Protein backbone atom coordinates (compact mmCIF):
# COMPACT_ATOMS: atom_id res chain seq x y z
CA MET A 1 -63.02 -47.19 1.57
CA ILE A 2 -61.28 -44.16 3.04
CA ASN A 3 -63.36 -40.98 2.91
CA ASN A 4 -61.97 -38.24 0.59
CA LYS A 5 -62.24 -35.70 3.38
CA VAL A 6 -59.95 -37.82 5.60
CA ILE A 7 -57.37 -38.03 2.79
CA LYS A 8 -57.40 -34.26 2.35
CA VAL A 9 -56.89 -33.70 6.10
CA PHE A 10 -54.00 -36.18 6.09
CA ILE A 11 -52.29 -34.40 3.17
CA ILE A 12 -52.70 -31.00 4.86
CA PHE A 13 -51.16 -32.42 8.03
CA ILE A 14 -48.12 -33.71 6.09
CA LEU A 15 -47.62 -30.34 4.34
CA VAL A 16 -47.82 -28.42 7.64
CA PHE A 17 -45.26 -30.81 9.18
CA ILE A 18 -42.82 -30.26 6.28
CA GLN A 19 -43.24 -26.47 6.54
CA LEU A 20 -42.55 -26.47 10.27
CA SER A 21 -39.42 -28.61 9.73
CA LEU A 22 -38.07 -26.14 7.18
CA ILE A 23 -38.71 -23.17 9.49
CA PHE A 24 -36.93 -24.96 12.35
CA SER A 25 -33.90 -25.62 10.08
CA VAL A 26 -33.65 -21.94 9.10
CA ILE A 27 -33.83 -20.81 12.74
CA LYS A 28 -31.09 -23.27 13.64
CA ALA A 29 -28.83 -22.02 10.83
CA VAL A 30 -29.31 -18.35 11.82
CA ASN A 31 -28.38 -19.09 15.43
CA LYS A 32 -25.36 -21.13 14.46
CA PRO A 33 -22.18 -19.86 16.22
CA GLU A 34 -19.77 -17.78 14.10
CA SER A 35 -16.93 -19.69 12.48
CA SER A 36 -13.46 -18.24 12.95
CA ALA A 37 -12.00 -20.33 10.15
CA PHE A 38 -8.93 -19.15 8.27
CA THR A 39 -7.90 -22.59 7.17
CA ASN A 40 -4.93 -23.99 5.31
CA ASN A 41 -6.73 -23.37 2.01
CA GLN A 42 -7.19 -19.71 3.10
CA THR A 43 -10.99 -19.87 3.29
CA ALA A 44 -12.57 -17.30 5.60
CA ILE A 45 -16.22 -17.66 6.65
CA ILE A 46 -18.50 -15.81 9.03
CA ASN A 47 -22.05 -17.15 9.48
CA ASP A 48 -21.62 -19.01 6.17
CA ASP A 49 -21.13 -15.66 4.36
CA LYS A 50 -17.92 -14.30 2.90
CA ILE A 51 -16.01 -11.75 4.89
CA LYS A 52 -16.37 -8.39 3.16
CA ILE A 53 -13.30 -6.12 3.05
CA GLY A 54 -13.45 -2.46 2.10
CA PHE A 55 -10.24 -1.19 0.46
CA SER A 56 -9.93 2.60 0.27
CA LEU A 57 -7.03 3.88 -1.85
CA GLY A 58 -5.80 7.46 -1.70
CA THR A 59 -4.65 7.26 -5.32
CA LEU A 60 -4.04 4.99 -8.29
CA LYS A 61 -1.92 7.47 -10.22
CA GLU A 62 1.33 5.59 -9.63
CA GLU A 63 2.05 2.12 -11.01
CA ARG A 64 2.87 0.95 -7.50
CA TRP A 65 -0.70 1.43 -6.19
CA VAL A 66 -2.22 -0.30 -9.22
CA LYS A 67 -0.08 -3.33 -8.36
CA ASP A 68 -1.24 -3.20 -4.72
CA ARG A 69 -4.89 -3.11 -5.81
CA ASP A 70 -4.51 -6.00 -8.25
CA ILE A 71 -2.50 -8.19 -5.88
CA LEU A 72 -4.82 -7.51 -2.93
CA MET A 73 -7.82 -8.47 -5.06
CA ALA A 74 -6.08 -11.69 -6.11
CA LYS A 75 -5.12 -12.54 -2.52
CA ALA A 76 -8.67 -11.84 -1.35
CA GLN A 77 -10.01 -14.24 -3.96
CA GLU A 78 -7.51 -16.90 -2.88
CA ALA A 79 -8.64 -16.44 0.73
CA GLY A 80 -12.30 -16.72 -0.19
CA VAL A 81 -13.16 -13.20 0.95
CA GLU A 82 -14.92 -10.38 -0.89
CA ILE A 83 -13.16 -7.05 -1.44
CA ILE A 84 -14.69 -3.75 -2.55
CA VAL A 85 -12.17 -1.23 -3.89
CA GLN A 86 -12.54 2.55 -3.93
CA ASN A 87 -10.05 5.11 -5.29
CA ALA A 88 -10.09 8.71 -4.01
CA ASN A 89 -7.83 10.20 -6.72
CA ASN A 90 -5.92 12.31 -4.18
CA ASP A 91 -9.13 13.90 -2.88
CA ASP A 92 -9.62 13.83 0.89
CA GLN A 93 -13.37 14.51 0.74
CA ASP A 94 -13.87 11.79 -1.85
CA GLN A 95 -12.02 9.34 0.35
CA LEU A 96 -14.29 10.17 3.26
CA LYS A 97 -17.41 9.74 1.09
CA GLN A 98 -16.08 6.45 -0.23
CA VAL A 99 -15.41 5.12 3.27
CA ARG A 100 -19.02 6.01 4.14
CA TYR A 101 -20.12 4.08 1.05
CA LEU A 102 -18.02 1.06 2.07
CA ILE A 103 -19.58 1.11 5.55
CA GLU A 104 -23.05 1.21 3.96
CA GLN A 105 -22.12 -1.90 1.96
CA GLY A 106 -21.75 -3.79 5.22
CA ILE A 107 -17.99 -4.30 5.22
CA ASP A 108 -16.50 -6.32 8.08
CA VAL A 109 -13.07 -4.65 7.99
CA LEU A 110 -11.57 -1.53 6.38
CA ILE A 111 -8.12 -1.40 4.77
CA ILE A 112 -7.17 2.21 4.07
CA VAL A 113 -4.32 3.92 2.23
CA PRO A 114 -4.83 7.50 3.42
CA ASN A 115 -4.46 10.38 1.00
CA ASP A 116 -3.73 12.65 3.96
CA TYR A 117 -2.38 11.10 7.14
CA ASN A 118 -4.24 13.59 9.35
CA LYS A 119 -7.55 14.06 7.53
CA ALA A 120 -8.12 10.32 7.10
CA ALA A 121 -8.49 10.03 10.90
CA TYR A 122 -12.17 10.97 10.57
CA ALA A 123 -12.72 8.13 8.10
CA VAL A 124 -11.14 5.72 10.58
CA GLU A 125 -13.37 7.10 13.33
CA LEU A 126 -16.50 6.50 11.21
CA ALA A 127 -15.55 2.86 10.73
CA LYS A 128 -14.62 2.22 14.33
CA LYS A 129 -17.91 3.75 15.55
CA GLN A 130 -19.63 0.98 13.60
CA GLY A 131 -17.41 -1.63 15.24
CA ILE A 132 -15.40 -2.12 12.04
CA PRO A 133 -11.67 -2.80 12.58
CA VAL A 134 -9.23 -0.77 10.47
CA ILE A 135 -5.88 -1.59 8.90
CA SER A 136 -3.70 1.32 7.80
CA TYR A 137 -2.01 -0.01 4.65
CA ASP A 138 1.53 1.23 3.89
CA ARG A 139 0.62 4.77 4.98
CA LEU A 140 -0.06 5.52 8.62
CA VAL A 141 -3.21 7.39 9.63
CA PHE A 142 -2.28 9.71 12.49
CA ASN A 143 -4.14 10.10 15.82
CA SER A 144 -6.66 7.41 14.91
CA ASN A 145 -5.72 4.27 16.85
CA VAL A 146 -6.02 1.91 13.88
CA ASP A 147 -6.03 -1.76 14.74
CA LEU A 148 -2.91 -2.37 12.65
CA TYR A 149 -0.37 -0.45 10.57
CA ILE A 150 1.15 -2.74 7.95
CA THR A 151 3.98 -1.43 5.78
CA PHE A 152 7.56 -1.65 4.60
CA ASP A 153 10.33 -0.10 6.68
CA ASN A 154 10.28 3.42 5.24
CA VAL A 155 13.22 4.63 7.34
CA LYS A 156 15.20 1.74 5.85
CA VAL A 157 14.09 2.87 2.38
CA GLY A 158 15.76 6.24 2.98
CA GLU A 159 18.86 4.61 4.39
CA LEU A 160 19.24 2.30 1.40
CA MET A 161 18.86 5.17 -1.05
CA ALA A 162 21.47 7.28 0.73
CA LYS A 163 23.91 4.36 1.06
CA SER A 164 23.69 3.70 -2.67
CA LEU A 165 24.32 7.38 -3.33
CA THR A 166 27.34 7.69 -1.03
CA ASN A 167 28.83 4.49 -2.44
CA SER A 168 28.73 6.08 -5.89
CA MET A 169 29.38 9.74 -5.10
CA LYS A 170 31.82 10.84 -2.41
CA SER A 171 31.27 14.55 -3.09
CA GLY A 172 29.10 16.86 -5.18
CA ASN A 173 25.79 18.73 -5.40
CA LEU A 174 22.63 16.87 -4.38
CA LEU A 175 19.03 17.80 -5.19
CA ILE A 176 16.29 16.12 -3.12
CA ILE A 177 12.71 15.86 -4.35
CA ASN A 178 10.53 14.34 -1.65
CA GLY A 179 7.00 13.09 -2.04
CA ALA A 180 3.88 14.74 -0.63
CA LYS A 181 4.02 16.40 2.77
CA ASN A 182 0.65 14.89 3.74
CA ASP A 183 2.11 11.37 3.43
CA ASN A 184 3.99 10.34 6.57
CA ASN A 185 6.13 7.93 4.54
CA THR A 186 8.03 10.87 3.07
CA LYS A 187 9.07 12.01 6.53
CA MET A 188 10.20 8.51 7.47
CA ILE A 189 12.19 8.20 4.23
CA LYS A 190 13.77 11.59 4.95
CA GLN A 191 14.67 10.42 8.45
CA GLY A 192 16.50 7.49 6.90
CA TYR A 193 18.51 9.34 4.29
CA ASP A 194 19.30 12.22 6.67
CA MET A 195 21.04 9.81 9.06
CA ILE A 196 23.30 8.45 6.31
CA LEU A 197 23.97 11.80 4.62
CA LYS A 198 24.73 13.77 7.79
CA PRO A 199 28.49 13.00 7.98
CA PHE A 200 28.86 13.92 4.31
CA THR A 201 26.85 17.14 4.56
CA ASP A 202 28.51 18.16 7.86
CA SER A 203 31.94 17.77 6.27
CA GLY A 204 30.86 19.68 3.18
CA LYS A 205 31.58 16.77 0.85
CA ILE A 206 27.95 16.64 -0.24
CA ASN A 207 26.11 19.90 -0.73
CA ILE A 208 22.29 19.77 -0.72
CA ILE A 209 21.40 22.53 -3.18
CA ALA A 210 17.63 22.24 -2.55
CA GLU A 211 15.07 19.99 -0.90
CA GLU A 212 11.59 20.07 -2.45
CA TRP A 213 8.24 18.44 -1.65
CA ALA A 214 6.03 17.30 -4.55
CA ALA A 215 2.31 17.69 -3.82
CA ASN A 216 0.41 14.49 -4.66
CA TRP A 217 3.73 12.95 -5.78
CA LEU A 218 3.32 14.61 -9.19
CA LYS A 219 6.17 13.79 -11.56
CA GLU A 220 5.47 17.07 -13.39
CA TYR A 221 6.66 18.89 -10.29
CA ALA A 222 9.93 16.94 -10.33
CA PHE A 223 10.41 17.83 -13.99
CA LYS A 224 9.79 21.51 -13.20
CA VAL A 225 12.25 21.60 -10.29
CA VAL A 226 15.07 19.96 -12.24
CA ASP A 227 14.41 21.94 -15.41
CA GLU A 228 14.38 25.28 -13.60
CA ALA A 229 17.60 24.46 -11.72
CA LEU A 230 19.39 23.51 -14.94
CA GLN A 231 18.11 26.61 -16.73
CA LYS A 232 19.78 28.63 -13.98
CA LYS A 233 23.01 26.74 -14.74
CA THR A 234 22.93 25.05 -11.33
CA SER A 235 25.29 22.09 -11.22
CA ILE A 236 23.52 18.86 -10.19
CA ASP A 237 25.51 15.70 -9.54
CA ALA A 238 22.77 13.57 -7.99
CA ILE A 239 19.01 13.53 -7.36
CA ILE A 240 17.20 11.62 -4.63
CA ALA A 241 13.58 11.28 -5.75
CA GLY A 242 10.85 10.21 -3.34
CA ASN A 243 9.62 7.52 -5.72
CA ASP A 244 10.17 6.25 -9.25
CA SER A 245 7.50 8.51 -10.70
CA LEU A 246 9.34 11.58 -9.41
CA ALA A 247 12.59 10.03 -10.66
CA GLU A 248 11.00 9.71 -14.09
CA GLY A 249 10.10 13.41 -14.09
CA ALA A 250 13.67 14.26 -13.09
CA VAL A 251 15.17 12.08 -15.84
CA GLU A 252 12.87 13.63 -18.44
CA ALA A 253 14.16 17.07 -17.44
CA LEU A 254 17.77 15.84 -17.57
CA SER A 255 17.08 14.51 -21.05
CA GLU A 256 15.93 17.95 -22.19
CA HIS A 257 19.36 19.26 -21.17
CA ARG A 258 21.27 16.27 -22.61
CA LEU A 259 22.34 15.09 -19.17
CA THR A 260 20.71 11.66 -19.19
CA GLY A 261 23.02 9.16 -17.50
CA LYS A 262 25.40 11.91 -16.39
CA VAL A 263 23.52 12.68 -13.15
CA ILE A 264 22.92 10.03 -10.47
CA VAL A 265 19.18 9.46 -9.94
CA LEU A 266 17.62 7.31 -7.22
CA GLY A 267 14.01 6.32 -6.58
CA GLN A 268 11.81 3.65 -5.04
CA ASP A 269 9.00 1.20 -5.95
CA ALA A 270 10.67 -0.77 -8.77
CA ASP A 271 8.23 0.58 -11.38
CA LEU A 272 8.67 -0.88 -14.84
CA THR A 273 10.09 2.31 -16.36
CA ALA A 274 12.45 2.67 -13.39
CA CYS A 275 13.73 -0.89 -13.85
CA GLN A 276 14.26 -0.09 -17.53
CA ARG A 277 16.27 2.99 -16.58
CA VAL A 278 18.32 0.98 -14.07
CA VAL A 279 19.46 -1.57 -16.66
CA GLU A 280 20.03 1.20 -19.21
CA GLY A 281 22.11 3.22 -16.76
CA THR A 282 19.96 6.36 -16.52
CA GLN A 283 18.82 5.60 -12.95
CA LEU A 284 21.31 4.26 -10.42
CA MET A 285 18.88 2.25 -8.29
CA THR A 286 15.35 1.76 -7.05
CA ILE A 287 13.85 0.19 -3.93
CA TYR A 288 11.98 -3.07 -4.43
CA LYS A 289 9.14 -3.69 -2.00
CA PRO A 290 7.65 -7.19 -2.39
CA ILE A 291 4.01 -6.10 -2.50
CA GLU A 292 2.76 -9.68 -2.73
CA LYS A 293 4.01 -10.36 0.80
CA LEU A 294 2.42 -7.14 2.07
CA ALA A 295 -0.93 -7.87 0.41
CA GLU A 296 -1.01 -11.48 1.59
CA ALA A 297 -0.28 -10.40 5.17
CA ALA A 298 -2.91 -7.64 4.99
CA ILE A 299 -5.65 -10.08 3.93
CA ALA A 300 -4.62 -12.61 6.59
CA MET A 301 -4.60 -9.90 9.28
CA ALA A 302 -7.97 -8.57 8.12
CA VAL A 303 -9.52 -12.03 8.52
CA ARG A 304 -7.96 -12.38 11.97
CA LEU A 305 -9.40 -9.04 13.06
CA VAL A 306 -12.90 -9.92 11.87
CA ASN A 307 -12.75 -13.28 13.63
CA ASN A 308 -11.36 -11.72 16.83
CA ARG A 309 -8.19 -13.75 16.59
CA PRO A 310 -4.86 -12.41 17.94
CA LEU A 311 -2.66 -10.68 15.35
CA GLU A 312 0.57 -11.94 16.95
CA VAL A 313 2.26 -8.61 16.21
CA ASN A 314 4.66 -7.44 18.90
CA ASP A 315 5.95 -4.15 17.42
CA TYR A 316 4.26 -0.79 17.96
CA ILE A 317 4.51 2.66 16.38
CA PHE A 318 3.30 5.99 17.80
CA ASP A 319 0.63 7.61 15.61
CA GLY A 320 0.80 10.96 17.40
CA LYS A 321 -1.66 9.93 20.10
CA TYR A 322 -1.69 6.15 20.36
CA ASN A 323 0.77 3.28 20.14
CA VAL A 324 -0.61 1.06 17.38
CA LYS A 325 0.41 -2.42 16.27
CA TYR A 326 3.09 -2.24 13.58
CA TYR A 327 3.70 -5.03 11.06
CA VAL A 328 6.80 -4.15 9.04
CA LEU A 329 8.49 -5.78 6.06
CA GLU A 330 12.00 -5.25 4.69
CA PRO A 331 12.64 -3.27 1.47
CA ILE A 332 15.42 -4.27 -0.95
CA ALA A 333 17.88 -1.98 -2.75
CA VAL A 334 18.02 -2.90 -6.45
CA ASP A 335 20.54 -1.88 -9.07
CA LYS A 336 21.68 -3.43 -12.36
CA ASN A 337 23.80 -5.97 -10.46
CA ASN A 338 20.95 -7.65 -8.57
CA ILE A 339 17.77 -6.82 -10.52
CA ASP A 340 17.65 -10.31 -12.05
CA GLU A 341 17.83 -12.02 -8.64
CA THR A 342 15.17 -9.81 -7.03
CA VAL A 343 12.57 -7.99 -9.11
CA LEU A 344 12.72 -10.35 -12.10
CA ARG A 345 13.10 -13.61 -10.18
CA ASP A 346 9.97 -12.81 -8.17
CA GLY A 347 8.01 -11.95 -11.30
CA PHE A 348 7.38 -8.42 -10.06
CA GLN A 349 8.44 -7.21 -13.51
CA LEU A 350 8.97 -9.28 -16.65
CA LYS A 351 12.47 -9.72 -18.06
CA ASP A 352 11.54 -9.06 -21.68
CA GLU A 353 9.82 -5.81 -20.67
CA VAL A 354 12.71 -4.60 -18.49
CA TYR A 355 15.40 -5.53 -21.01
CA ARG A 356 13.40 -4.02 -23.86
CA ASP A 357 16.44 -3.40 -26.05
């Protein structure tokens, strides 16, 4: 008969062997080489953990940025990556604090929509010091050498707006209400419409009665500018607004003076209320920017950066100090003639909501 002491020793030996096997398996898993997978089913893995993206938004006050946030989150889920979203509410210091928070959460890549194109450079610097690649999303951060600037062609946006205007108005008084000065997109949009308007302004056919800049893109400022001009009996034939929110403020002021539909108004972003105004005839046009394509590309590029894969981007843009990679998408001019085949066909807005009446 086998001694009980021998049995106990044998059992202890078996348990020790199992424990050592488990420890060896864990060590092997930890030392496993990183996977650079971004497969056909859009799954991204690093060391068997999800890639973690930090998304810092300068604002969510406009409908457009809410759509970007929601679509980016959906695309991240499709790609199998985690995304942490922070909104600075137009506060530069808050954005900096939030980027610090994202870094503390162990993000692998930062996607940033800067509130201020100069001040956000410090936030980019913080990330890059930690070895975290940075994508500047639809707004360029200056003097920061981001790894990628991904956006729509903002110069083209301005060109499309001005072409729509000059096709509808050969002469008259034009009021321009740009977006925020601390957003480089406004300057690029201005560059675009200036090129198209120059022959008309040089000849005197179009008279620019004022050019304003709305801090934080506040539609209340657009309302104030238009209202004050009309109270002074200034004749306004057309208004170029930096985005659809500013266009909305302008139209509200026109309504107060019973001029709705009598003054040409142009905007951008294809917001729901703007699309409603387009089909109703109180806004001539808007610019549709297929955000789904931008968001999908941003997530794909973020995964490539984390996995040290080439971006395959050949265009560059100067950020004031560095030439940075520049991934650009085409905007689309939308009026009542093509809104069904663009904004509605893509599901960007719903037909029953646009054609509310």
